[in-house]
Amino acid sequence: MKKTILTSVSAIALFAAAPAFADDNTSTVTQSGNGSQAHVSQAGEDSNSDVIQGGNSNSATVNQDGSLIGADSSINQSGNGNDATVTQSDDGDNYWGYDTINFSTVDQSGDDNSATVSQDTATYDVPSSSNINQSGSSNNADVTQVDDTQTSSIGQSSYGNIATVSQGDLGKVAGDLSYGNSSYITQGGDGGNTAAVSQTNLQNLSWIDQGGYANDATVSQGGNGVSGGNASYVTQEGAMNTAGVGQFGTYNSSTVDQWTDGNVANVSQTGNDNGSTVNQYAGYSDSFEGSGTANVTQVGNYNGSGVEQSGRADSATIEQLANSNNSTVTQSGEGDSVKVSQTGNGNGSTVTQSGLGDGIWAAYYGIADVTQSGNGNSSSLTQSGDYDQTFVNQSGNGNGSSVSQSAYLNYASVGQYGNGDSSLVTQGGDYDSAYVTQGGNGNGSEVNQGGFDEGASVYQPGNGNSSDVEQTGSFEYASVGQYGNGNTSTVGQSGISNQAYVTQGSNGNTSAVTQGGSGNLAVVNQGGGSF
């Protein structure tokens, strides 16, 4: 049976095609007025529906539920305030090919339009395809697809649009495991667009491209079945962009590219062999003057990474190659650089930068470099001054490092290669430098510098040693070397051009040096050893 109906109206109209159950069902509806309604219901083999509406406030509903060997629906609306709804369902009982079984196409060229597509091909691995094109503003597109190898494409070329896509699962669709779904979203215009994609289970692909201002993209992907292989790509052009990607399966990958000002990227991944790359390039505007670059790589289980950048010319590189690591990077300054590498297990790193770092020469760049190759280490680094640099390397287990720099052109280097060592460096003056190296176990070092052009060097290769250096003067230098075990050293300098050298080579020694004048020299040597 074949049914073809053509109608043209200028006022409210209602069309309904009675259910058909034979072969080759075809329906064509054309409406040119305002407030028109078209309702099409088809069941049977090879159903085809075409709806064309040219007015405003029109609605088109196509229901191709239970069609055998697939269905094809096309809706074209050129007015404002129109609504399109498509439902396609096929269990694939009479379909044994590999081509797409259900097709849905919605074209809307006005403003304030809405398109909703639901496709379900449960039981068998038969693809469905949804294509929505909206060229006006303030449009909404919602796509829900269930089962395997589904494809959704949404194109929105103006501003204020919303796109939502949900694919897969529904109880993993009777054993097919719900895999291989793809979503493509493209949004243009100059602002206000939002895209959200949710994909469950295995081998999913999400692609979001936003070209306007104040965009928001959220991608959530599962994959806890037999194998993973989920991938997410987000590209945003314009200011005030936000991208959040959450991947919870195995062998996941995420790529986020953000252009112009005020971008924020957050990536959270759980599972094996996770990969995340975030690139941010901020331009110039009244609110922001900057661009940022962030790269995140995670391989292992239960790793987490968060990157937030709002400054100009900031860069962040995160590498986590083990299990249960966590990294947090916040950058609000300009020209700062962060590199975090964690190859051990259970490590934590926090980096906060809010000062300037875009100097003319290499010495005038703000740098934070953290490497943790042991297990259970923690590093906290805060730079609120300008052109400060810090390098932290912890290869032992259970070590803790904290560095705070709040002034101008400070330098800190911390290396802890034993177990259970702790280091605290605080620099509040200008042109200060601190070098801390601890190779034994259970050592503690504290360096506080609040003066001008001061230097401190602490070397503790023994076990259970303690060193405290306090500097509040100018042009001062303190050197502490403790080679034995259980030694204690305290150095306090508040004058000008004072120098202190402390060497303790045996066990259980105690040294206290206090300098308050100018040009003083103190040398302490207990138990031998040299520095």
Protein backbone atom coordinates (compact mmCIF):
# COMPACT_ATOMS: atom_id res chain seq x y z
CA MET A 1 0.00 0.00 0.00
CA LYS A 2 1.30 3.46 -0.82
CA LYS A 3 -0.19 6.65 0.56
CA THR A 4 0.83 10.12 -0.60
CA ILE A 5 -0.89 13.26 0.68
CA LEU A 6 -0.10 16.85 -0.25
CA THR A 7 -1.78 19.70 1.57
CA SER A 8 -1.24 23.44 1.64
CA VAL A 9 -2.95 25.66 4.24
CA SER A 10 -2.63 29.21 5.54
CA ALA A 11 -4.20 28.68 8.96
CA ILE A 12 -4.11 25.96 11.59
CA ALA A 13 -4.16 22.57 9.95
CA LEU A 14 -3.97 19.03 11.21
CA PHE A 15 -2.70 16.07 9.20
CA ALA A 16 -2.63 12.48 10.35
CA ALA A 17 -1.60 9.51 8.30
CA ALA A 18 -3.32 6.38 9.51
CA PRO A 19 -1.03 3.55 10.56
CA ALA A 20 0.13 1.42 7.66
CA PHE A 21 1.55 -2.10 7.94
CA ALA A 22 2.42 -3.08 4.38
CA ASP A 23 5.41 -2.30 2.20
CA ASP A 24 6.88 1.03 1.09
CA ASN A 25 4.88 3.58 3.12
CA THR A 26 5.31 7.19 1.94
CA SER A 27 3.88 10.40 3.39
CA THR A 28 4.39 13.98 2.14
CA VAL A 29 3.01 17.03 3.99
CA THR A 30 3.40 20.67 2.86
CA GLN A 31 2.06 23.56 4.99
CA SER A 32 2.56 27.29 4.41
CA GLY A 33 0.57 28.98 7.16
CA ASN A 34 1.08 29.82 10.83
CA GLY A 35 0.15 27.59 13.75
CA SER A 36 -0.13 24.50 11.58
CA GLN A 37 0.19 20.97 12.94
CA ALA A 38 1.35 17.86 11.13
CA HIS A 39 1.17 14.40 12.68
CA VAL A 40 2.54 11.39 10.82
CA SER A 41 2.42 7.82 12.13
CA GLN A 42 3.90 4.95 10.13
CA ALA A 43 4.52 1.26 10.83
CA GLY A 44 5.61 -1.41 8.42
CA GLU A 45 8.47 -1.83 5.97
CA ASP A 46 10.57 0.98 4.53
CA SER A 47 8.58 3.97 5.84
CA ASN A 48 9.24 7.42 4.38
CA SER A 49 7.96 10.78 5.66
CA ASP A 50 8.53 14.34 4.35
CA VAL A 51 7.13 17.37 6.17
CA ILE A 52 7.61 20.93 4.88
CA GLN A 53 6.31 23.91 6.89
CA GLY A 54 6.85 27.55 5.94
CA GLY A 55 5.08 29.56 8.64
CA ASN A 56 5.53 30.39 12.31
CA SER A 57 4.55 28.45 15.44
CA ASN A 58 4.11 25.26 13.48
CA SER A 59 4.62 21.74 14.83
CA ALA A 60 5.52 18.51 13.12
CA THR A 61 5.42 15.10 14.79
CA VAL A 62 6.62 11.97 13.05
CA ASN A 63 6.22 8.59 14.70
CA GLN A 64 7.82 5.67 12.91
CA ASP A 65 7.62 3.19 15.73
CA GLY A 66 7.99 -0.50 14.98
CA SER A 67 8.87 0.03 11.34
CA LEU A 68 10.32 -3.04 9.66
CA ILE A 69 13.61 -2.67 7.79
CA GLY A 70 13.99 0.93 8.86
CA ALA A 71 12.49 4.35 8.27
CA ASP A 72 13.34 7.74 6.75
CA SER A 73 12.02 11.04 8.10
CA SER A 74 12.65 14.57 6.77
CA ILE A 75 11.26 17.76 8.36
CA ASN A 76 11.91 21.23 6.93
CA GLN A 77 10.69 24.31 8.84
CA SER A 78 11.54 27.85 7.74
CA GLY A 79 9.63 29.99 10.24
CA ASN A 80 10.02 30.98 13.89
CA GLY A 81 8.87 29.18 17.00
CA ASN A 82 8.44 25.85 15.26
CA ASP A 83 8.66 22.42 16.86
CA ALA A 84 9.78 19.14 15.31
CA THR A 85 9.57 15.74 17.00
CA VAL A 86 10.74 12.47 15.46
CA THR A 87 10.47 9.00 17.01
CA GLN A 88 11.95 5.99 15.23
CA SER A 89 12.09 2.48 16.64
CA ASP A 90 13.09 -0.81 15.05
CA ASP A 91 14.20 -4.04 16.68
CA GLY A 92 16.06 -5.14 13.52
CA ASP A 93 14.31 -8.51 13.28
CA ASN A 94 14.04 -8.33 9.51
CA TYR A 95 17.31 -6.50 8.85
CA TRP A 96 20.59 -8.32 8.22
CA GLY A 97 22.71 -5.64 6.53
CA TYR A 98 25.25 -3.22 7.95
CA ASP A 99 23.96 0.03 6.45
CA THR A 100 22.01 2.61 8.39
CA ILE A 101 18.46 1.43 9.12
CA ASN A 102 16.82 4.66 10.39
CA PHE A 103 17.39 8.17 9.02
CA SER A 104 16.13 11.41 10.52
CA THR A 105 16.78 14.87 9.07
CA VAL A 106 15.48 18.12 10.57
CA ASP A 107 16.17 21.51 8.94
CA GLN A 108 15.05 24.68 10.74
CA SER A 109 15.96 28.15 9.48
CA GLY A 110 14.13 30.46 11.89
CA ASP A 111 14.50 31.50 15.54
CA ASP A 112 13.24 29.89 18.75
CA ASN A 113 12.78 26.51 17.11
CA SER A 114 12.95 23.14 18.81
CA ALA A 115 13.91 19.72 17.44
CA THR A 116 13.65 16.44 19.36
CA VAL A 117 14.76 13.12 17.90
CA SER A 118 14.49 9.71 19.55
CA GLN A 119 15.89 6.60 17.87
CA ASP A 120 15.87 3.06 19.27
CA THR A 121 17.15 0.00 17.40
CA ALA A 122 17.31 -2.36 20.32
CA THR A 123 18.47 -5.99 20.18
CA TYR A 124 20.58 -5.95 17.00
CA ASP A 125 23.65 -3.97 15.91
CA VAL A 126 21.93 -1.84 13.28
CA PRO A 127 22.91 1.85 12.89
CA SER A 128 20.62 4.86 13.07
CA SER A 129 21.43 8.38 11.92
CA SER A 130 20.10 11.76 13.08
CA ASN A 131 20.94 15.05 11.38
CA ILE A 132 19.67 18.40 12.74
CA ASN A 133 20.48 21.76 11.11
CA GLN A 134 19.35 24.99 12.75
CA SER A 135 20.38 28.32 11.20
CA GLY A 136 18.49 30.73 13.46
CA SER A 137 19.08 31.82 17.04
CA SER A 138 17.82 30.54 20.40
CA ASN A 139 17.14 27.11 19.00
CA ASN A 140 17.12 23.84 20.90
CA ALA A 141 18.13 20.39 19.67
CA ASP A 142 17.73 17.21 21.70
CA VAL A 143 18.77 13.77 20.43
CA THR A 144 18.38 10.44 22.24
CA GLN A 145 19.73 7.27 20.65
CA VAL A 146 19.76 3.79 22.16
CA ASP A 147 21.78 0.72 21.17
CA ASP A 148 24.93 0.36 19.05
CA THR A 149 26.70 2.36 16.29
CA GLN A 150 24.32 5.32 16.38
CA THR A 151 25.31 8.64 14.75
CA SER A 152 24.06 12.11 15.65
CA SER A 153 24.95 15.35 13.89
CA ILE A 154 23.76 18.79 15.08
CA GLY A 155 24.63 22.01 13.28
CA GLN A 156 23.64 25.37 14.81
CA SER A 157 25.01 28.40 13.00
CA SER A 158 23.71 31.32 15.06
CA TYR A 159 23.74 32.28 18.77
CA GLY A 160 21.91 31.27 21.93
CA ASN A 161 21.45 27.66 20.85
CA ILE A 162 21.34 24.51 22.98
CA ALA A 163 22.33 21.02 21.83
CA THR A 164 21.87 17.91 23.97
CA VAL A 165 22.79 14.38 22.91
CA SER A 166 22.34 11.14 24.85
CA GLN A 167 23.56 7.88 23.37
CA GLY A 168 23.71 4.25 24.40
CA ASP A 169 23.12 1.84 27.25
CA LEU A 170 19.48 1.38 28.43
CA GLY A 171 20.63 -1.68 30.27
CA LYS A 172 23.25 -2.29 27.56
CA VAL A 173 20.43 -3.24 25.21
CA ALA A 174 19.88 -6.94 25.71
CA GLY A 175 23.51 -8.01 25.60
CA ASP A 176 24.84 -6.03 22.62
CA LEU A 177 26.77 -3.94 25.21
CA SER A 178 25.75 -0.61 23.61
CA TYR A 179 28.91 0.50 21.85
CA GLY A 180 30.31 2.51 18.94
CA ASN A 181 28.09 5.62 19.12
CA SER A 182 29.14 8.95 17.55
CA SER A 183 28.02 12.52 18.19
CA TYR A 184 28.97 15.65 16.21
CA ILE A 185 27.91 19.12 17.34
CA THR A 186 28.83 22.35 15.54
CA GLN A 187 27.70 25.71 16.93
CA GLY A 188 28.47 29.10 15.40
CA GLY A 189 27.30 32.62 16.07
CA ASP A 190 28.67 35.09 18.60
CA GLY A 191 27.58 33.77 21.95
CA GLY A 192 25.31 31.92 24.31
CA ASN A 193 25.62 28.40 22.89
CA THR A 194 25.53 25.30 25.06
CA ALA A 195 26.36 21.70 24.17
CA ALA A 196 26.00 18.63 26.35
CA VAL A 197 26.81 15.05 25.33
CA SER A 198 26.31 11.91 27.39
CA GLN A 199 27.55 8.56 26.10
CA THR A 200 27.53 5.34 28.08
CA ASN A 201 29.54 2.15 27.86
CA LEU A 202 32.04 1.39 25.06
CA GLN A 203 33.90 2.90 22.08
CA ASN A 204 32.07 6.21 21.84
CA LEU A 205 33.07 9.32 19.91
CA SER A 206 32.02 12.89 20.76
CA TRP A 207 32.94 15.93 18.68
CA ILE A 208 31.91 19.46 19.74
CA ASP A 209 32.86 22.57 17.77
CA GLN A 210 31.72 25.93 19.15
CA GLY A 211 32.60 29.17 17.39
CA GLY A 212 30.76 31.79 19.40
CA TYR A 213 31.08 33.78 22.62
CA ALA A 214 30.46 32.43 26.14
CA ASN A 215 30.17 28.80 25.06
CA ASP A 216 29.78 25.83 27.36
CA ALA A 217 30.56 22.19 26.52
CA THR A 218 30.11 19.16 28.76
CA VAL A 219 31.01 15.61 27.70
CA SER A 220 30.46 12.51 29.80
CA GLN A 221 31.56 9.11 28.53
CA GLY A 222 31.37 5.67 30.14
CA GLY A 223 33.10 2.43 29.27
CA ASN A 224 33.25 -0.11 32.08
CA GLY A 225 32.48 -3.15 29.97
CA VAL A 226 34.76 -5.47 28.01
CA SER A 227 36.84 -2.68 26.49
CA GLY A 228 36.81 1.10 26.37
CA GLY A 229 38.10 3.27 23.58
CA ASN A 230 36.04 6.42 24.22
CA ALA A 231 37.18 9.66 22.57
CA SER A 232 36.13 13.27 23.04
CA TYR A 233 37.07 16.34 20.97
CA VAL A 234 36.05 19.86 21.97
CA THR A 235 36.93 22.98 20.00
CA GLN A 236 35.80 26.41 21.21
CA GLU A 237 36.40 29.80 19.64
CA GLY A 238 35.44 32.93 21.53
CA ALA A 239 35.78 34.35 25.03
CA MET A 240 34.52 32.94 28.34
CA ASN A 241 34.47 29.32 27.15
CA THR A 242 34.09 26.41 29.55
CA ALA A 243 34.73 22.75 28.73
CA GLY A 244 34.25 19.88 31.15
CA VAL A 245 35.10 16.32 30.09
CA GLY A 246 34.50 13.30 32.31
CA GLN A 247 35.56 9.83 31.16
CA PHE A 248 35.13 6.81 33.37
CA GLY A 249 36.09 3.79 31.30
CA THR A 250 39.34 2.39 29.93
CA TYR A 251 41.59 3.56 27.11
CA ASN A 252 39.90 6.96 27.05
CA SER A 253 41.14 10.07 25.28
CA SER A 254 40.10 13.71 25.49
CA THR A 255 41.17 16.71 23.43
CA VAL A 256 40.05 20.25 24.24
CA ASP A 257 41.02 23.25 22.09
CA GLN A 258 39.97 26.68 23.31
CA TRP A 259 40.67 29.99 21.57
CA THR A 260 40.56 33.57 22.87
CA ASP A 261 40.05 34.92 26.38
CA GLY A 262 39.04 33.59 29.74
CA ASN A 263 38.93 29.90 28.94
CA VAL A 264 38.54 27.20 31.57
CA ALA A 265 39.13 23.46 31.03
CA ASN A 266 38.50 20.69 33.55
CA VAL A 267 39.30 17.06 32.78
CA SER A 268 38.59 14.15 35.11
CA GLN A 269 39.43 10.59 34.06
CA THR A 270 39.17 7.27 35.84
CA GLY A 271 40.34 3.96 34.39
CA ASN A 272 43.32 2.58 32.48
CA ASP A 273 45.46 4.39 29.91
CA ASN A 274 43.59 7.69 30.13
CA GLY A 275 44.69 10.52 27.87
CA SER A 276 43.70 14.16 28.02
CA THR A 277 44.99 17.17 26.12
CA VAL A 278 43.83 20.71 26.80
CA ASN A 279 44.95 23.67 24.68
CA GLN A 280 43.87 27.19 25.54
CA TYR A 281 44.67 30.30 23.55
CA ALA A 282 43.32 33.52 25.01
CA GLY A 283 43.32 36.70 22.95
CA TYR A 284 42.78 40.32 23.95
CA SER A 285 39.59 41.89 25.24
CA ASP A 286 38.44 44.43 27.82
CA SER A 287 38.01 41.68 30.41
CA PHE A 288 40.98 39.45 29.69
CA GLU A 289 44.38 39.81 28.08
CA GLY A 290 45.72 36.38 27.61
CA SER A 291 45.95 32.96 26.17
CA GLY A 292 46.71 29.66 27.82
CA THR A 293 48.00 26.24 26.90
CA ALA A 294 47.37 23.07 28.90
CA ASN A 295 48.34 19.49 28.08
CA VAL A 296 47.20 16.59 30.24
CA THR A 297 48.30 12.95 29.82
CA GLN A 298 47.11 10.21 32.18
CA VAL A 299 48.00 6.52 32.00
CA GLY A 300 46.86 4.29 34.82
CA ASN A 301 43.95 3.94 37.18
CA TYR A 302 42.00 6.50 39.17
CA ASN A 303 44.04 9.52 38.10
CA GLY A 304 42.55 12.99 38.26
CA SER A 305 43.60 16.25 36.64
CA GLY A 306 42.13 19.74 36.80
CA VAL A 307 43.40 22.76 34.86
CA GLU A 308 42.02 26.30 35.16
CA GLN A 309 43.55 29.17 33.22
CA SER A 310 42.40 32.78 32.98
CA GLY A 311 45.64 34.64 32.41
CA ARG A 312 47.53 35.54 29.29
CA ALA A 313 50.18 33.26 27.78
CA ASP A 314 49.96 30.67 30.57
CA SER A 315 50.95 27.08 29.90
CA ALA A 316 50.43 23.82 31.79
CA THR A 317 51.70 20.31 31.08
CA ILE A 318 50.42 17.45 33.22
CA GLU A 319 51.80 13.92 32.95
CA GLN A 320 50.52 11.13 35.19
CA LEU A 321 51.72 7.66 34.33
CA ALA A 322 50.78 5.59 37.36
CA ASN A 323 47.81 5.05 39.65
CA SER A 324 45.81 7.18 42.07
CA ASN A 325 47.60 10.41 41.25
CA ASN A 326 45.99 13.83 41.48
CA SER A 327 47.02 17.15 39.95
CA THR A 328 45.42 20.57 40.30
CA VAL A 329 46.66 23.63 38.41
CA THR A 330 45.24 27.15 38.75
CA GLN A 331 46.71 30.01 36.73
CA SER A 332 45.44 33.58 36.85
CA GLY A 333 48.66 35.46 36.17
CA GLU A 334 50.36 36.15 32.87
CA GLY A 335 53.11 34.23 31.12
CA ASP A 336 53.44 31.54 33.77
CA SER A 337 54.49 27.96 33.07
CA VAL A 338 53.64 24.74 34.94
CA LYS A 339 54.98 21.25 34.39
CA VAL A 340 53.86 18.35 36.56
CA SER A 341 55.16 14.81 36.07
CA GLN A 342 53.98 12.01 38.36
CA THR A 343 55.16 8.50 37.57
CA GLY A 344 54.69 6.94 40.98
CA ASN A 345 51.50 5.96 42.76
CA GLY A 346 49.33 7.96 45.12
CA ASN A 347 51.03 11.30 44.53
CA GLY A 348 49.37 14.70 44.82
CA SER A 349 50.36 18.02 43.30
CA THR A 350 48.79 21.46 43.67
CA VAL A 351 50.09 24.49 41.77
CA THR A 352 48.68 28.02 41.99
CA GLN A 353 50.12 30.90 40.00
CA SER A 354 48.79 34.47 40.08
CA GLY A 355 51.87 36.59 39.35
CA LEU A 356 53.59 37.73 36.18
CA GLY A 357 55.96 35.50 34.28
CA ASP A 358 56.30 36.77 30.73
CA GLY A 359 59.78 38.25 30.90
CA ILE A 360 62.05 39.23 28.04
CA TRP A 361 64.76 36.74 29.01
CA ALA A 362 64.49 33.16 30.27
CA ALA A 363 65.45 34.24 33.81
CA TYR A 364 62.33 36.42 33.92
CA TYR A 365 59.75 33.71 33.31
CA GLY A 366 57.50 32.35 36.04
CA ILE A 367 58.13 28.59 36.20
CA ALA A 368 56.76 25.78 38.35
CA ASP A 369 58.25 22.34 37.68
CA VAL A 370 57.18 19.35 39.81
CA THR A 371 58.48 15.79 39.30
CA GLN A 372 57.35 12.95 41.57
CA SER A 373 58.55 9.46 40.71
CA GLY A 374 58.08 7.85 44.10
CA ASN A 375 54.92 6.86 45.91
CA GLY A 376 52.69 8.81 48.28
CA ASN A 377 54.44 12.14 47.77
CA SER A 378 52.76 15.53 48.01
CA SER A 379 53.74 18.88 46.58
CA SER A 380 52.12 22.27 47.14
CA LEU A 381 53.37 25.27 45.21
CA THR A 382 52.03 28.82 45.31
CA GLN A 383 53.45 31.69 43.28
CA SER A 384 51.81 35.07 43.76
CA GLY A 385 54.88 37.15 43.01
CA ASP A 386 56.36 38.08 39.66
CA TYR A 387 58.89 36.01 37.68
CA ASP A 388 59.32 33.42 40.44
CA GLN A 389 60.72 29.97 39.65
CA THR A 390 60.43 26.66 41.51
CA PHE A 391 61.74 23.16 40.76
CA VAL A 392 60.63 20.20 42.91
CA ASN A 393 61.90 16.64 42.47
CA GLN A 394 60.75 13.85 44.79
CA SER A 395 61.81 10.30 43.96
CA GLY A 396 61.41 8.73 47.38
CA ASN A 397 58.23 7.72 49.18
CA GLY A 398 56.00 9.68 51.53
CA ASN A 399 57.78 12.99 51.06
CA GLY A 400 56.14 16.39 51.37
CA SER A 401 57.16 19.69 49.79
CA SER A 402 55.59 23.12 50.19
CA VAL A 403 56.86 26.23 48.40
CA SER A 404 55.34 29.71 48.64
CA GLN A 405 56.71 32.65 46.66
CA SER A 406 55.05 36.06 46.99
CA ALA A 407 57.67 38.56 45.88
CA TYR A 408 59.89 39.29 42.87
CA LEU A 409 62.41 37.08 41.04
CA ASN A 410 62.73 34.34 43.66
CA TYR A 411 64.18 30.89 42.98
CA ALA A 412 63.60 27.63 44.86
CA SER A 413 64.94 24.14 44.19
CA VAL A 414 63.83 21.16 46.30
CA GLY A 415 65.12 17.62 45.84
CA GLN A 416 64.01 14.84 48.17
CA TYR A 417 65.28 11.36 47.37
CA GLY A 418 64.71 9.51 50.63
CA ASN A 419 61.55 8.55 52.46
CA GLY A 420 59.38 10.60 54.80
CA ASP A 421 61.25 13.87 54.24
CA SER A 422 59.56 17.26 54.48
CA SER A 423 60.53 20.65 53.11
CA LEU A 424 58.96 24.07 53.60
CA VAL A 425 60.21 27.08 51.62
CA THR A 426 58.67 30.54 52.03
CA GLN A 427 60.01 33.47 50.06
CA GLY A 428 58.52 36.91 50.69
CA GLY A 429 61.46 39.06 49.71
CA ASP A 430 62.99 39.89 46.34
CA TYR A 431 65.83 38.11 44.52
CA ASP A 432 65.97 35.34 47.13
CA SER A 433 67.17 31.80 46.38
CA ALA A 434 66.82 28.53 48.28
CA TYR A 435 68.33 25.10 47.54
CA VAL A 436 67.17 22.12 49.59
CA THR A 437 68.46 18.56 49.03
CA GLN A 438 67.51 15.70 51.34
CA GLY A 439 68.71 12.19 50.53
CA GLY A 440 68.09 10.40 53.80
CA ASN A 441 64.93 9.46 55.63
CA GLY A 442 62.75 11.44 57.99
CA ASN A 443 64.54 14.75 57.52
CA GLY A 444 62.90 18.14 57.91
CA SER A 445 63.91 21.47 56.40
CA GLU A 446 62.37 24.93 56.72
CA VAL A 447 63.60 28.03 54.90
CA ASN A 448 61.94 31.43 55.41
CA GLN A 449 63.26 34.36 53.40
CA GLY A 450 61.75 37.82 53.79
CA GLY A 451 64.65 40.07 52.94
CA PHE A 452 66.47 41.14 49.80
CA ASP A 453 68.90 39.06 47.72
CA GLU A 454 69.34 36.27 50.24
CA GLY A 455 70.61 32.75 49.64
CA ALA A 456 70.15 29.49 51.54
CA SER A 457 71.49 26.02 50.84
CA VAL A 458 70.49 22.97 52.88
CA TYR A 459 71.95 19.50 52.30
CA GLN A 460 70.90 16.59 54.52
CA PRO A 461 71.93 13.12 53.28
CA GLY A 462 71.54 11.56 56.74
CA ASN A 463 68.44 10.49 58.64
CA GLY A 464 66.23 12.32 61.11
CA ASN A 465 67.95 15.68 60.72
CA SER A 466 66.29 19.07 61.19
CA SER A 467 67.25 22.42 59.68
CA ASP A 468 65.65 25.85 60.10
CA VAL A 469 66.92 28.92 58.21
CA GLU A 470 65.33 32.33 58.87
CA GLN A 471 66.50 35.31 56.80
CA THR A 472 65.05 38.84 57.04
CA GLY A 473 68.07 40.97 56.14
CA SER A 474 69.83 41.74 52.88
CA PHE A 475 72.66 40.12 50.91
CA GLU A 476 72.91 37.23 53.37
CA TYR A 477 73.87 33.60 52.83
CA ALA A 478 73.45 30.46 54.91
CA SER A 479 74.82 26.99 54.15
CA VAL A 480 73.82 23.92 56.16
CA GLY A 481 75.20 20.41 55.64
CA GLN A 482 74.16 17.60 57.97
CA TYR A 483 75.68 14.22 57.06
CA GLY A 484 74.96 12.29 60.24
CA ASN A 485 71.73 11.33 61.93
CA GLY A 486 69.52 13.19 64.39
CA ASN A 487 71.24 16.55 64.01
CA THR A 488 69.60 19.94 64.52
CA SER A 489 70.60 23.27 62.97
CA THR A 490 69.06 26.72 63.39
CA VAL A 491 70.27 29.80 61.51
CA GLY A 492 68.76 33.27 61.99
CA GLN A 493 70.02 36.25 59.95
CA SER A 494 68.56 39.78 60.18
CA GLY A 495 71.49 42.00 59.27
CA ILE A 496 73.37 42.89 56.11
CA SER A 497 75.93 40.79 54.24
CA ASN A 498 76.19 38.10 56.93
CA GLN A 499 77.36 34.56 56.18
CA ALA A 500 76.89 31.32 58.09
CA TYR A 501 78.33 27.87 57.33
CA VAL A 502 77.19 24.87 59.38
CA THR A 503 78.59 21.35 58.95
CA GLN A 504 77.58 18.44 61.19
CA GLY A 505 79.07 15.11 60.18
CA SER A 506 78.32 12.87 63.16
CA ASN A 507 75.15 12.09 65.09
CA GLY A 508 73.02 14.01 67.58
CA ASN A 509 74.65 17.41 67.17
CA THR A 510 72.95 20.76 67.73
CA SER A 511 73.89 24.12 66.24
CA ALA A 512 72.30 27.57 66.63
CA VAL A 513 73.57 30.64 64.78
CA THR A 514 72.09 34.14 65.12
CA GLN A 515 73.44 37.10 63.15
CA GLY A 516 72.07 40.63 63.50
CA GLY A 517 74.88 42.92 62.46
CA SER A 518 76.69 43.53 59.21
CA GLY A 519 79.47 41.61 57.52
CA ASN A 520 79.60 38.82 60.08
CA LEU A 521 80.94 35.31 59.35
CA ALA A 522 80.04 32.18 61.33
CA VAL A 523 81.56 28.74 60.70
CA VAL A 524 80.36 25.68 62.64
CA ASN A 525 81.92 22.24 62.16
CA GLN A 526 80.81 19.42 64.43
CA GLY A 527 81.76 15.80 63.93
CA GLY A 528 83.74 16.31 60.76
CA GLY A 529 82.43 16.26 57.23
CA SER A 530 82.61 18.95 54.59
CA PHE A 531 80.13 20.93 52.55
